[in-house]
Amino acid sequence: VLGIVGESGCGKSTTGHMISGLYKPTKGDILFRETNIALSWKKRDKETLKNIQLIFQNPGRSLNPSHTVERIIGRAMQKLANITDEKERRARIIDILRKVDLGKEYLEKKPRQLSGGEQQRVAIARALSISPSLIVCDEPTSALDVSVQASVLNLLNELQVDTHVAYLFISHDLNVINYLSDYIMVMYAGRIAEYGKRDEVMENLHH
């Protein structure tokens, strides 16, 4: 887990969005498994799209309001993981919902019927459903109530241990970064001000 921390406007989310392919960098390369992915997601190959997933800050705006939970999660599985059999897909969706502490009764629900914490769990389930290598977490708890934040952070921590997926976790909250991260990158004014293992950065601040 690489935690990226810094004040508002320092470039954290821009960095995450470039890695995800939502923004194209003005110059330079982004290397992922020795392949340059400094291009729009529309031009990336299917394998790269599958391997880099994104969890947004506001779960309500990142879930299609007209789709059920089953369709939201299943669409990624069908398009990127080639799971075309409906029964197999549903079984996998139920399994991933259980992993994020939601039952199969959520399959037919739509985002407006869910709380903010439940919406974010669905977003996490969608990201994990196709077994990516990297998930960019762009302040995924900052729009949630404090009590819900803790449960979502604990869930992300448990899922990372269970699946071994890498997180690039973006936050302006040092406590959150300290809790989740193995490595920490501090950004300031669009540049990396500090980088190192969690304890090195947290116990010996230079910036």
N, C-alpha and C. Protein backbone atom coordinates (compact mmCIF):
# COMPACT_ATOMS: atom_id res chain seq x y z
N VAL A 1 0.85 -1.19 0.00
CA VAL A 1 0.00 0.00 0.00
C VAL A 1 0.89 1.24 0.00
N LEU A 2 0.75 2.05 -1.05
CA LEU A 2 1.43 3.34 -1.11
C LEU A 2 0.43 4.43 -0.78
N GLY A 3 0.67 5.14 0.31
CA GLY A 3 -0.19 6.25 0.69
C GLY A 3 0.35 7.55 0.11
N ILE A 4 -0.51 8.31 -0.56
CA ILE A 4 -0.13 9.64 -1.06
C ILE A 4 -0.88 10.67 -0.25
N VAL A 5 -0.14 11.57 0.39
CA VAL A 5 -0.76 12.55 1.28
C VAL A 5 -0.26 13.94 0.93
N GLY A 6 -1.09 14.92 1.18
CA GLY A 6 -0.71 16.31 0.91
C GLY A 6 -1.93 17.20 1.00
N GLU A 7 -1.69 18.50 1.00
CA GLU A 7 -2.81 19.45 1.14
C GLU A 7 -3.64 19.48 -0.14
N SER A 8 -4.81 20.10 -0.07
CA SER A 8 -5.67 20.23 -1.24
C SER A 8 -4.94 20.98 -2.34
N GLY A 9 -5.06 20.47 -3.57
CA GLY A 9 -4.45 21.13 -4.72
C GLY A 9 -3.00 20.78 -4.97
N CYS A 10 -2.45 19.81 -4.24
CA CYS A 10 -1.02 19.49 -4.40
C CYS A 10 -0.77 18.51 -5.55
N GLY A 11 -1.83 17.90 -6.09
CA GLY A 11 -1.66 17.00 -7.23
C GLY A 11 -1.92 15.53 -6.93
N LYS A 12 -2.44 15.22 -5.74
CA LYS A 12 -2.69 13.82 -5.36
C LYS A 12 -3.67 13.15 -6.33
N SER A 13 -4.84 13.75 -6.45
CA SER A 13 -5.89 13.14 -7.28
C SER A 13 -5.50 13.15 -8.76
N THR A 14 -4.81 14.21 -9.18
CA THR A 14 -4.34 14.27 -10.57
C THR A 14 -3.42 13.09 -10.86
N THR A 15 -2.53 12.79 -9.92
CA THR A 15 -1.64 11.64 -10.06
C THR A 15 -2.43 10.35 -10.19
N GLY A 16 -3.41 10.16 -9.30
CA GLY A 16 -4.26 8.97 -9.35
C GLY A 16 -5.03 8.86 -10.63
N HIS A 17 -5.54 9.98 -11.12
CA HIS A 17 -6.33 9.97 -12.35
C HIS A 17 -5.47 9.71 -13.58
N MET A 18 -4.21 10.14 -13.55
CA MET A 18 -3.30 9.83 -14.66
C MET A 18 -2.99 8.33 -14.69
N ILE A 19 -2.75 7.76 -13.51
CA ILE A 19 -2.47 6.32 -13.45
C ILE A 19 -3.68 5.52 -13.91
N SER A 20 -4.88 6.03 -13.59
CA SER A 20 -6.12 5.35 -13.98
C SER A 20 -6.49 5.58 -15.44
N GLY A 21 -5.84 6.54 -16.08
CA GLY A 21 -6.13 6.82 -17.49
C GLY A 21 -7.22 7.84 -17.71
N LEU A 22 -7.70 8.49 -16.64
CA LEU A 22 -8.73 9.52 -16.80
C LEU A 22 -8.12 10.82 -17.30
N TYR A 23 -6.87 11.10 -16.90
CA TYR A 23 -6.12 12.25 -17.41
C TYR A 23 -4.91 11.73 -18.18
N LYS A 24 -4.57 12.42 -19.25
CA LYS A 24 -3.35 12.09 -20.00
C LYS A 24 -2.26 13.08 -19.56
N PRO A 25 -1.10 12.58 -19.11
CA PRO A 25 -0.06 13.50 -18.69
C PRO A 25 0.44 14.38 -19.83
N THR A 26 0.84 15.62 -19.51
CA THR A 26 1.33 16.53 -20.55
C THR A 26 2.68 16.08 -21.07
N LYS A 27 3.48 15.41 -20.22
CA LYS A 27 4.75 14.86 -20.67
C LYS A 27 5.17 13.75 -19.71
N GLY A 28 6.18 12.97 -20.13
CA GLY A 28 6.69 11.90 -19.28
C GLY A 28 5.97 10.58 -19.49
N ASP A 29 6.47 9.54 -18.82
CA ASP A 29 5.93 8.19 -18.94
C ASP A 29 5.36 7.72 -17.60
N ILE A 30 4.42 6.80 -17.67
CA ILE A 30 3.93 6.07 -16.49
C ILE A 30 4.14 4.60 -16.80
N LEU A 31 5.02 3.96 -16.08
CA LEU A 31 5.34 2.56 -16.36
C LEU A 31 4.58 1.63 -15.42
N PHE A 32 3.86 0.70 -16.02
CA PHE A 32 3.12 -0.32 -15.28
C PHE A 32 3.51 -1.67 -15.87
N ARG A 33 4.20 -2.48 -15.07
CA ARG A 33 4.73 -3.76 -15.57
C ARG A 33 5.54 -3.57 -16.85
N GLU A 34 6.41 -2.55 -16.80
CA GLU A 34 7.35 -2.23 -17.89
C GLU A 34 6.67 -1.73 -19.16
N THR A 35 5.38 -1.44 -19.09
CA THR A 35 4.66 -0.89 -20.24
C THR A 35 4.29 0.56 -19.95
N ASN A 36 4.49 1.44 -20.93
CA ASN A 36 4.13 2.84 -20.75
C ASN A 36 2.63 3.01 -20.91
N ILE A 37 1.97 3.45 -19.85
CA ILE A 37 0.51 3.60 -19.88
C ILE A 37 0.10 5.07 -19.80
N ALA A 38 1.00 5.97 -20.24
CA ALA A 38 0.71 7.40 -20.20
C ALA A 38 -0.20 7.79 -21.37
N LEU A 39 -1.40 7.20 -21.38
CA LEU A 39 -2.37 7.50 -22.42
C LEU A 39 -3.78 7.32 -21.85
N SER A 40 -4.75 7.79 -22.59
CA SER A 40 -6.14 7.71 -22.13
C SER A 40 -6.59 6.27 -21.96
N TRP A 41 -7.51 6.05 -21.01
CA TRP A 41 -8.04 4.70 -20.78
C TRP A 41 -8.66 4.13 -22.05
N LYS A 42 -9.16 4.99 -22.93
CA LYS A 42 -9.79 4.53 -24.17
C LYS A 42 -8.78 3.85 -25.10
N LYS A 43 -7.51 4.18 -24.91
CA LYS A 43 -6.47 3.62 -25.78
C LYS A 43 -5.69 2.50 -25.10
N ARG A 44 -6.05 2.17 -23.86
CA ARG A 44 -5.35 1.10 -23.14
C ARG A 44 -5.90 -0.26 -23.54
N ASP A 45 -5.04 -1.27 -23.46
CA ASP A 45 -5.52 -2.62 -23.78
C ASP A 45 -6.38 -3.15 -22.64
N LYS A 46 -7.11 -4.18 -22.95
CA LYS A 46 -8.09 -4.75 -22.02
C LYS A 46 -7.43 -5.23 -20.72
N GLU A 47 -6.24 -5.80 -20.84
CA GLU A 47 -5.54 -6.34 -19.67
C GLU A 47 -5.16 -5.22 -18.70
N THR A 48 -4.71 -4.08 -19.23
CA THR A 48 -4.37 -2.94 -18.37
C THR A 48 -5.62 -2.37 -17.73
N LEU A 49 -6.70 -2.28 -18.48
CA LEU A 49 -7.97 -1.79 -17.92
C LEU A 49 -8.44 -2.68 -16.77
N LYS A 50 -8.27 -3.97 -16.94
CA LYS A 50 -8.67 -4.93 -15.90
C LYS A 50 -7.78 -4.78 -14.66
N ASN A 51 -6.49 -4.57 -14.88
CA ASN A 51 -5.53 -4.61 -13.78
C ASN A 51 -5.45 -3.33 -12.96
N ILE A 52 -5.95 -2.21 -13.50
CA ILE A 52 -5.93 -0.95 -12.74
C ILE A 52 -7.37 -0.46 -12.56
N GLN A 53 -7.85 -0.53 -11.34
CA GLN A 53 -9.20 -0.10 -11.02
C GLN A 53 -9.17 1.13 -10.12
N LEU A 54 -10.30 1.81 -10.03
CA LEU A 54 -10.37 3.08 -9.29
C LEU A 54 -11.59 3.11 -8.38
N ILE A 55 -11.37 3.53 -7.13
CA ILE A 55 -12.48 3.78 -6.20
C ILE A 55 -12.52 5.29 -5.97
N PHE A 56 -13.65 5.90 -6.30
CA PHE A 56 -13.77 7.36 -6.23
C PHE A 56 -14.12 7.85 -4.82
N GLN A 57 -13.97 9.16 -4.66
CA GLN A 57 -14.26 9.81 -3.39
C GLN A 57 -15.75 9.76 -3.05
N ASN A 58 -16.58 10.02 -4.05
CA ASN A 58 -18.03 10.10 -3.81
C ASN A 58 -18.70 8.87 -4.42
N PRO A 59 -19.05 7.87 -3.61
CA PRO A 59 -19.61 6.63 -4.17
C PRO A 59 -20.93 6.84 -4.89
N GLY A 60 -21.75 7.79 -4.42
CA GLY A 60 -23.05 8.02 -5.03
C GLY A 60 -22.94 8.46 -6.48
N ARG A 61 -21.89 9.22 -6.79
CA ARG A 61 -21.73 9.74 -8.15
C ARG A 61 -20.98 8.77 -9.07
N SER A 62 -20.37 7.73 -8.48
CA SER A 62 -19.60 6.80 -9.31
C SER A 62 -20.39 5.53 -9.66
N LEU A 63 -21.61 5.41 -9.12
CA LEU A 63 -22.46 4.25 -9.41
C LEU A 63 -23.62 4.70 -10.29
N ASN A 64 -23.88 3.97 -11.35
CA ASN A 64 -24.98 4.32 -12.25
C ASN A 64 -26.32 4.18 -11.51
N PRO A 65 -27.07 5.30 -11.35
CA PRO A 65 -28.30 5.26 -10.55
C PRO A 65 -29.41 4.39 -11.13
N SER A 66 -29.34 4.11 -12.44
CA SER A 66 -30.40 3.31 -13.07
C SER A 66 -30.12 1.81 -13.06
N HIS A 67 -28.92 1.43 -12.60
CA HIS A 67 -28.54 0.02 -12.59
C HIS A 67 -28.68 -0.58 -11.20
N THR A 68 -28.96 -1.88 -11.17
CA THR A 68 -28.97 -2.61 -9.89
C THR A 68 -27.53 -2.91 -9.47
N VAL A 69 -27.36 -3.28 -8.22
CA VAL A 69 -26.03 -3.65 -7.71
C VAL A 69 -25.46 -4.81 -8.54
N GLU A 70 -26.32 -5.77 -8.86
CA GLU A 70 -25.85 -6.91 -9.66
C GLU A 70 -25.30 -6.47 -11.01
N ARG A 71 -25.98 -5.54 -11.65
CA ARG A 71 -25.52 -5.08 -12.97
C ARG A 71 -24.27 -4.22 -12.85
N ILE A 72 -24.20 -3.40 -11.81
CA ILE A 72 -23.04 -2.53 -11.60
C ILE A 72 -21.77 -3.36 -11.47
N ILE A 73 -21.83 -4.41 -10.64
CA ILE A 73 -20.66 -5.26 -10.43
C ILE A 73 -20.44 -6.20 -11.63
N GLY A 74 -21.54 -6.74 -12.15
CA GLY A 74 -21.46 -7.73 -13.22
C GLY A 74 -20.97 -7.18 -14.54
N ARG A 75 -21.21 -5.90 -14.80
CA ARG A 75 -20.81 -5.30 -16.07
C ARG A 75 -19.29 -5.35 -16.24
N ALA A 76 -18.57 -5.01 -15.17
CA ALA A 76 -17.10 -5.06 -15.23
C ALA A 76 -16.62 -6.50 -15.44
N MET A 77 -17.27 -7.44 -14.78
CA MET A 77 -16.90 -8.85 -14.90
C MET A 77 -17.12 -9.36 -16.33
N GLN A 78 -18.19 -8.91 -16.93
CA GLN A 78 -18.53 -9.33 -18.29
C GLN A 78 -17.60 -8.69 -19.32
N LYS A 79 -17.37 -7.37 -19.17
CA LYS A 79 -16.60 -6.62 -20.17
C LYS A 79 -15.10 -6.87 -20.08
N LEU A 80 -14.56 -6.97 -18.85
CA LEU A 80 -13.11 -7.01 -18.68
C LEU A 80 -12.57 -8.37 -18.25
N ALA A 81 -13.41 -9.19 -17.60
CA ALA A 81 -12.93 -10.51 -17.14
C ALA A 81 -13.52 -11.66 -17.95
N ASN A 82 -14.33 -11.32 -18.97
CA ASN A 82 -14.91 -12.32 -19.89
C ASN A 82 -15.74 -13.40 -19.17
N ILE A 83 -16.39 -13.01 -18.08
CA ILE A 83 -17.27 -13.96 -17.37
C ILE A 83 -18.67 -13.76 -17.97
N THR A 84 -18.97 -14.52 -19.00
CA THR A 84 -20.21 -14.31 -19.75
C THR A 84 -21.37 -15.19 -19.26
N ASP A 85 -21.05 -16.27 -18.54
CA ASP A 85 -22.11 -17.14 -18.04
C ASP A 85 -22.83 -16.45 -16.88
N GLU A 86 -24.14 -16.28 -17.03
CA GLU A 86 -24.92 -15.51 -16.06
C GLU A 86 -24.91 -16.13 -14.66
N LYS A 87 -25.04 -17.46 -14.59
CA LYS A 87 -25.06 -18.14 -13.28
C LYS A 87 -23.71 -18.01 -12.57
N GLU A 88 -22.64 -18.20 -13.33
CA GLU A 88 -21.30 -18.07 -12.75
C GLU A 88 -21.06 -16.65 -12.27
N ARG A 89 -21.51 -15.69 -13.08
CA ARG A 89 -21.31 -14.28 -12.73
C ARG A 89 -22.07 -13.94 -11.45
N ARG A 90 -23.32 -14.38 -11.36
CA ARG A 90 -24.13 -14.10 -10.17
C ARG A 90 -23.50 -14.71 -8.92
N ALA A 91 -23.02 -15.95 -9.04
CA ALA A 91 -22.38 -16.62 -7.90
C ALA A 91 -21.16 -15.84 -7.43
N ARG A 92 -20.38 -15.34 -8.38
CA ARG A 92 -19.20 -14.55 -8.03
C ARG A 92 -19.58 -13.21 -7.40
N ILE A 93 -20.65 -12.61 -7.90
CA ILE A 93 -21.10 -11.33 -7.35
C ILE A 93 -21.56 -11.52 -5.90
N ILE A 94 -22.31 -12.58 -5.64
CA ILE A 94 -22.76 -12.87 -4.27
C ILE A 94 -21.57 -13.09 -3.35
N ASP A 95 -20.55 -13.78 -3.86
CA ASP A 95 -19.35 -14.05 -3.08
C ASP A 95 -18.61 -12.76 -2.74
N ILE A 96 -18.47 -11.86 -3.73
CA ILE A 96 -17.76 -10.61 -3.48
C ILE A 96 -18.57 -9.69 -2.58
N LEU A 97 -19.90 -9.74 -2.69
CA LEU A 97 -20.75 -8.94 -1.78
C LEU A 97 -20.56 -9.39 -0.34
N ARG A 98 -20.45 -10.69 -0.14
CA ARG A 98 -20.21 -11.21 1.22
C ARG A 98 -18.88 -10.69 1.77
N LYS A 99 -17.89 -10.61 0.89
CA LYS A 99 -16.56 -10.14 1.32
C LYS A 99 -16.60 -8.68 1.78
N VAL A 100 -17.53 -7.91 1.24
CA VAL A 100 -17.65 -6.50 1.67
C VAL A 100 -18.81 -6.33 2.67
N ASP A 101 -19.21 -7.44 3.29
CA ASP A 101 -20.24 -7.43 4.34
C ASP A 101 -21.62 -7.00 3.85
N LEU A 102 -21.95 -7.38 2.62
CA LEU A 102 -23.29 -7.16 2.09
C LEU A 102 -23.83 -8.52 1.63
N GLY A 103 -25.12 -8.76 1.85
CA GLY A 103 -25.71 -10.05 1.48
C GLY A 103 -26.29 -10.03 0.08
N LYS A 104 -26.81 -11.21 -0.34
CA LYS A 104 -27.36 -11.31 -1.70
C LYS A 104 -28.66 -10.53 -1.86
N GLU A 105 -29.24 -10.09 -0.73
CA GLU A 105 -30.45 -9.26 -0.82
C GLU A 105 -30.16 -7.90 -1.46
N TYR A 106 -28.89 -7.57 -1.61
CA TYR A 106 -28.52 -6.29 -2.24
C TYR A 106 -28.48 -6.37 -3.77
N LEU A 107 -28.56 -7.55 -4.33
CA LEU A 107 -28.43 -7.73 -5.79
C LEU A 107 -29.37 -6.83 -6.58
N GLU A 108 -30.62 -6.75 -6.16
CA GLU A 108 -31.63 -6.02 -6.93
C GLU A 108 -31.80 -4.57 -6.48
N LYS A 109 -31.01 -4.15 -5.52
CA LYS A 109 -31.13 -2.76 -5.05
C LYS A 109 -30.41 -1.80 -5.98
N LYS A 110 -30.88 -0.56 -5.99
CA LYS A 110 -30.22 0.49 -6.77
C LYS A 110 -29.51 1.45 -5.82
N PRO A 111 -28.52 2.20 -6.31
CA PRO A 111 -27.72 3.05 -5.42
C PRO A 111 -28.52 3.96 -4.49
N ARG A 112 -29.66 4.49 -4.97
CA ARG A 112 -30.44 5.41 -4.13
C ARG A 112 -31.04 4.72 -2.90
N GLN A 113 -31.11 3.40 -2.94
CA GLN A 113 -31.66 2.64 -1.81
C GLN A 113 -30.59 2.28 -0.78
N LEU A 114 -29.37 2.73 -1.01
CA LEU A 114 -28.26 2.37 -0.13
C LEU A 114 -27.74 3.60 0.62
N SER A 115 -27.19 3.36 1.79
CA SER A 115 -26.52 4.43 2.54
C SER A 115 -25.17 4.73 1.88
N GLY A 116 -24.52 5.82 2.30
CA GLY A 116 -23.22 6.17 1.73
C GLY A 116 -22.19 5.06 1.93
N GLY A 117 -22.20 4.47 3.13
CA GLY A 117 -21.25 3.38 3.42
C GLY A 117 -21.52 2.15 2.57
N GLU A 118 -22.80 1.84 2.35
CA GLU A 118 -23.17 0.69 1.52
C GLU A 118 -22.80 0.95 0.06
N GLN A 119 -23.00 2.18 -0.41
CA GLN A 119 -22.62 2.53 -1.78
C GLN A 119 -21.12 2.34 -1.98
N GLN A 120 -20.33 2.77 -0.98
CA GLN A 120 -18.88 2.64 -1.13
C GLN A 120 -18.46 1.17 -1.09
N ARG A 121 -19.15 0.35 -0.33
CA ARG A 121 -18.86 -1.09 -0.31
C ARG A 121 -19.16 -1.72 -1.67
N VAL A 122 -20.22 -1.26 -2.31
CA VAL A 122 -20.53 -1.75 -3.67
C VAL A 122 -19.43 -1.32 -4.64
N ALA A 123 -18.96 -0.07 -4.49
CA ALA A 123 -17.88 0.42 -5.36
C ALA A 123 -16.60 -0.40 -5.14
N ILE A 124 -16.33 -0.76 -3.89
CA ILE A 124 -15.16 -1.59 -3.58
C ILE A 124 -15.33 -2.99 -4.18
N ALA A 125 -16.54 -3.53 -4.05
CA ALA A 125 -16.84 -4.85 -4.63
C ALA A 125 -16.65 -4.85 -6.13
N ARG A 126 -17.12 -3.79 -6.78
CA ARG A 126 -16.97 -3.67 -8.24
C ARG A 126 -15.48 -3.66 -8.63
N ALA A 127 -14.68 -2.89 -7.90
CA ALA A 127 -13.25 -2.80 -8.20
C ALA A 127 -12.55 -4.14 -8.00
N LEU A 128 -12.93 -4.86 -6.94
CA LEU A 128 -12.27 -6.13 -6.63
C LEU A 128 -12.77 -7.31 -7.46
N SER A 129 -13.94 -7.15 -8.07
CA SER A 129 -14.62 -8.29 -8.71
C SER A 129 -13.84 -8.89 -9.87
N ILE A 130 -12.94 -8.12 -10.48
CA ILE A 130 -12.21 -8.64 -11.64
C ILE A 130 -10.74 -8.89 -11.30
N SER A 131 -10.43 -9.00 -10.01
CA SER A 131 -9.08 -9.34 -9.52
C SER A 131 -7.98 -8.46 -10.12
N PRO A 132 -8.06 -7.15 -9.88
CA PRO A 132 -7.02 -6.26 -10.43
C PRO A 132 -5.70 -6.41 -9.68
N SER A 133 -4.64 -5.84 -10.24
CA SER A 133 -3.34 -5.82 -9.57
C SER A 133 -3.20 -4.57 -8.72
N LEU A 134 -3.86 -3.49 -9.15
CA LEU A 134 -3.73 -2.19 -8.48
C LEU A 134 -5.08 -1.51 -8.40
N ILE A 135 -5.39 -0.99 -7.21
CA ILE A 135 -6.59 -0.16 -7.06
C ILE A 135 -6.17 1.22 -6.60
N VAL A 136 -6.55 2.24 -7.37
CA VAL A 136 -6.32 3.62 -6.98
C VAL A 136 -7.51 4.06 -6.12
N CYS A 137 -7.24 4.33 -4.86
CA CYS A 137 -8.29 4.74 -3.91
C CYS A 137 -8.19 6.24 -3.71
N ASP A 138 -9.08 6.99 -4.36
CA ASP A 138 -9.00 8.46 -4.32
C ASP A 138 -9.87 9.02 -3.19
N GLU A 139 -9.29 9.16 -2.02
CA GLU A 139 -10.00 9.63 -0.82
C GLU A 139 -11.34 8.91 -0.66
N PRO A 140 -11.34 7.59 -0.62
CA PRO A 140 -12.59 6.83 -0.67
C PRO A 140 -13.46 6.93 0.58
N THR A 141 -12.93 7.52 1.66
CA THR A 141 -13.74 7.62 2.88
C THR A 141 -14.07 9.06 3.26
N SER A 142 -13.53 10.04 2.54
CA SER A 142 -13.67 11.43 2.99
C SER A 142 -15.10 11.97 2.89
N ALA A 143 -15.94 11.35 2.04
CA ALA A 143 -17.33 11.80 1.91
C ALA A 143 -18.27 11.09 2.88
N LEU A 144 -17.72 10.19 3.72
CA LEU A 144 -18.54 9.38 4.62
C LEU A 144 -18.49 9.91 6.05
N ASP A 145 -19.51 9.58 6.83
CA ASP A 145 -19.51 9.93 8.25
C ASP A 145 -18.33 9.26 8.93
N VAL A 146 -17.86 9.87 10.03
CA VAL A 146 -16.67 9.38 10.73
C VAL A 146 -16.81 7.93 11.16
N SER A 147 -17.99 7.56 11.68
CA SER A 147 -18.19 6.18 12.14
C SER A 147 -18.15 5.19 10.98
N VAL A 148 -18.64 5.61 9.82
CA VAL A 148 -18.64 4.75 8.63
C VAL A 148 -17.23 4.67 8.04
N GLN A 149 -16.50 5.79 8.12
CA GLN A 149 -15.12 5.81 7.62
C GLN A 149 -14.30 4.67 8.20
N ALA A 150 -14.40 4.51 9.51
CA ALA A 150 -13.59 3.49 10.21
C ALA A 150 -13.90 2.09 9.69
N SER A 151 -15.19 1.79 9.49
CA SER A 151 -15.55 0.44 9.04
C SER A 151 -15.08 0.20 7.61
N VAL A 152 -15.14 1.22 6.75
CA VAL A 152 -14.69 1.07 5.37
C VAL A 152 -13.17 0.92 5.31
N LEU A 153 -12.45 1.68 6.15
CA LEU A 153 -10.99 1.56 6.20
C LEU A 153 -10.57 0.17 6.68
N ASN A 154 -11.26 -0.32 7.71
CA ASN A 154 -10.97 -1.68 8.21
C ASN A 154 -11.23 -2.71 7.12
N LEU A 155 -12.32 -2.52 6.38
CA LEU A 155 -12.66 -3.44 5.28
C LEU A 155 -11.57 -3.43 4.21
N LEU A 156 -11.14 -2.24 3.81
CA LEU A 156 -10.09 -2.13 2.79
C LEU A 156 -8.81 -2.80 3.25
N ASN A 157 -8.50 -2.63 4.52
CA ASN A 157 -7.30 -3.24 5.09
C ASN A 157 -7.40 -4.77 5.05
N GLU A 158 -8.53 -5.30 5.46
CA GLU A 158 -8.74 -6.76 5.47
C GLU A 158 -8.70 -7.33 4.05
N LEU A 159 -9.34 -6.63 3.11
CA LEU A 159 -9.37 -7.12 1.72
C LEU A 159 -7.99 -7.10 1.09
N GLN A 160 -7.18 -6.11 1.45
CA GLN A 160 -5.83 -6.03 0.89
C GLN A 160 -4.99 -7.21 1.38
N VAL A 161 -5.13 -7.55 2.64
CA VAL A 161 -4.41 -8.70 3.21
C VAL A 161 -4.88 -9.99 2.54
N ASP A 162 -6.18 -10.07 2.30
CA ASP A 162 -6.79 -11.28 1.74
C ASP A 162 -6.45 -11.48 0.26
N THR A 163 -6.47 -10.40 -0.52
CA THR A 163 -6.32 -10.51 -1.98
C THR A 163 -4.92 -10.19 -2.49
N HIS A 164 -4.11 -9.51 -1.67
CA HIS A 164 -2.75 -9.07 -2.05
C HIS A 164 -2.76 -8.05 -3.18
N VAL A 165 -3.90 -7.41 -3.43
CA VAL A 165 -3.94 -6.33 -4.42
C VAL A 165 -3.17 -5.14 -3.85
N ALA A 166 -2.51 -4.39 -4.74
CA ALA A 166 -1.80 -3.18 -4.31
C ALA A 166 -2.78 -2.00 -4.31
N TYR A 167 -2.65 -1.14 -3.30
CA TYR A 167 -3.45 0.09 -3.25
C TYR A 167 -2.53 1.28 -3.45
N LEU A 168 -3.00 2.24 -4.23
CA LEU A 168 -2.44 3.58 -4.21
C LEU A 168 -3.50 4.41 -3.50
N PHE A 169 -3.25 4.74 -2.25
CA PHE A 169 -4.30 5.32 -1.40
C PHE A 169 -4.04 6.82 -1.21
N ILE A 170 -4.97 7.62 -1.71
CA ILE A 170 -4.83 9.08 -1.68
C ILE A 170 -5.67 9.66 -0.54
N SER A 171 -5.05 10.53 0.26
CA SER A 171 -5.78 11.15 1.38
C SER A 171 -5.06 12.43 1.81
N HIS A 172 -5.82 13.32 2.45
CA HIS A 172 -5.17 14.48 3.08
C HIS A 172 -5.04 14.26 4.59
N ASP A 173 -5.45 13.08 5.05
CA ASP A 173 -5.48 12.76 6.48
C ASP A 173 -4.30 11.85 6.84
N LEU A 174 -3.36 12.40 7.59
CA LEU A 174 -2.16 11.63 7.95
C LEU A 174 -2.48 10.41 8.79
N ASN A 175 -3.51 10.48 9.63
CA ASN A 175 -3.89 9.33 10.47
C ASN A 175 -4.33 8.15 9.60
N VAL A 176 -5.12 8.44 8.57
CA VAL A 176 -5.59 7.40 7.65
C VAL A 176 -4.41 6.80 6.90
N ILE A 177 -3.53 7.65 6.40
CA ILE A 177 -2.35 7.20 5.66
C ILE A 177 -1.46 6.34 6.55
N ASN A 178 -1.27 6.76 7.79
CA ASN A 178 -0.43 6.03 8.73
C ASN A 178 -1.02 4.66 9.05
N TYR A 179 -2.35 4.59 9.11
CA TYR A 179 -3.04 3.33 9.44
C TYR A 179 -2.90 2.30 8.32
N LEU A 180 -3.01 2.75 7.08
CA LEU A 180 -3.11 1.81 5.95
C LEU A 180 -1.81 1.50 5.24
N SER A 181 -0.88 2.44 5.23
CA SER A 181 0.22 2.40 4.26
C SER A 181 1.43 1.59 4.70
N ASP A 182 2.10 1.01 3.70
CA ASP A 182 3.43 0.44 3.89
C ASP A 182 4.49 1.48 3.52
N TYR A 183 4.19 2.25 2.47
CA TYR A 183 5.06 3.34 2.02
C TYR A 183 4.23 4.62 1.96
N ILE A 184 4.89 5.75 2.18
CA ILE A 184 4.20 7.04 2.15
C ILE A 184 4.92 8.00 1.21
N MET A 185 4.14 8.68 0.39
CA MET A 185 4.65 9.72 -0.49
C MET A 185 3.95 11.02 -0.12
N VAL A 186 4.71 12.03 0.26
CA VAL A 186 4.16 13.33 0.62
C VAL A 186 4.31 14.25 -0.59
N MET A 187 3.19 14.82 -1.05
CA MET A 187 3.23 15.74 -2.19
C MET A 187 3.03 17.17 -1.74
N TYR A 188 3.68 18.08 -2.44
CA TYR A 188 3.52 19.52 -2.16
C TYR A 188 3.70 20.27 -3.47
N ALA A 189 2.70 21.05 -3.84
CA ALA A 189 2.76 21.89 -5.05
C ALA A 189 3.16 21.10 -6.30
N GLY A 190 2.55 19.90 -6.44
CA GLY A 190 2.76 19.12 -7.65
C GLY A 190 4.04 18.31 -7.68
N ARG A 191 4.77 18.28 -6.58
CA ARG A 191 6.03 17.54 -6.53
C ARG A 191 6.05 16.57 -5.35
N ILE A 192 6.93 15.59 -5.42
CA ILE A 192 7.13 14.69 -4.28
C ILE A 192 8.10 15.35 -3.31
N ALA A 193 7.59 15.65 -2.11
CA ALA A 193 8.42 16.31 -1.10
C ALA A 193 9.15 15.29 -0.23
N GLU A 194 8.51 14.14 0.04
CA GLU A 194 9.12 13.08 0.84
C GLU A 194 8.61 11.73 0.35
N TYR A 195 9.43 10.71 0.51
CA TYR A 195 9.01 9.36 0.18
C TYR A 195 9.83 8.37 0.99
N GLY A 196 9.17 7.31 1.48
CA GLY A 196 9.89 6.27 2.19
C GLY A 196 8.93 5.30 2.84
N LYS A 197 9.48 4.35 3.59
CA LYS A 197 8.64 3.44 4.36
C LYS A 197 7.87 4.25 5.39
N ARG A 198 6.70 3.72 5.79
CA ARG A 198 5.80 4.46 6.67
C ARG A 198 6.52 5.02 7.90
N ASP A 199 7.23 4.17 8.63
CA ASP A 199 7.87 4.63 9.87
C ASP A 199 8.96 5.65 9.61
N GLU A 200 9.68 5.49 8.50
CA GLU A 200 10.74 6.45 8.16
C GLU A 200 10.15 7.85 7.97
N VAL A 201 9.02 7.90 7.26
CA VAL A 201 8.41 9.21 6.97
C VAL A 201 7.71 9.77 8.22
N MET A 202 6.96 8.95 8.91
CA MET A 202 6.15 9.43 10.05
C MET A 202 7.01 9.82 11.26
N GLU A 203 8.14 9.15 11.43
CA GLU A 203 8.95 9.42 12.62
C GLU A 203 10.11 10.39 12.37
N ASN A 204 10.31 10.77 11.12
CA ASN A 204 11.45 11.62 10.82
C ASN A 204 11.05 12.60 9.70
N LEU A 205 10.12 13.48 10.03
CA LEU A 205 9.56 14.39 9.02
C LEU A 205 10.60 15.43 8.58
N HIS A 206 10.68 15.65 7.27
CA HIS A 206 11.63 16.63 6.74
C HIS A 206 10.95 17.83 6.09
N HIS A 207 9.65 17.68 5.76
CA HIS A 207 8.99 18.76 5.02
C HIS A 207 7.84 19.33 5.84
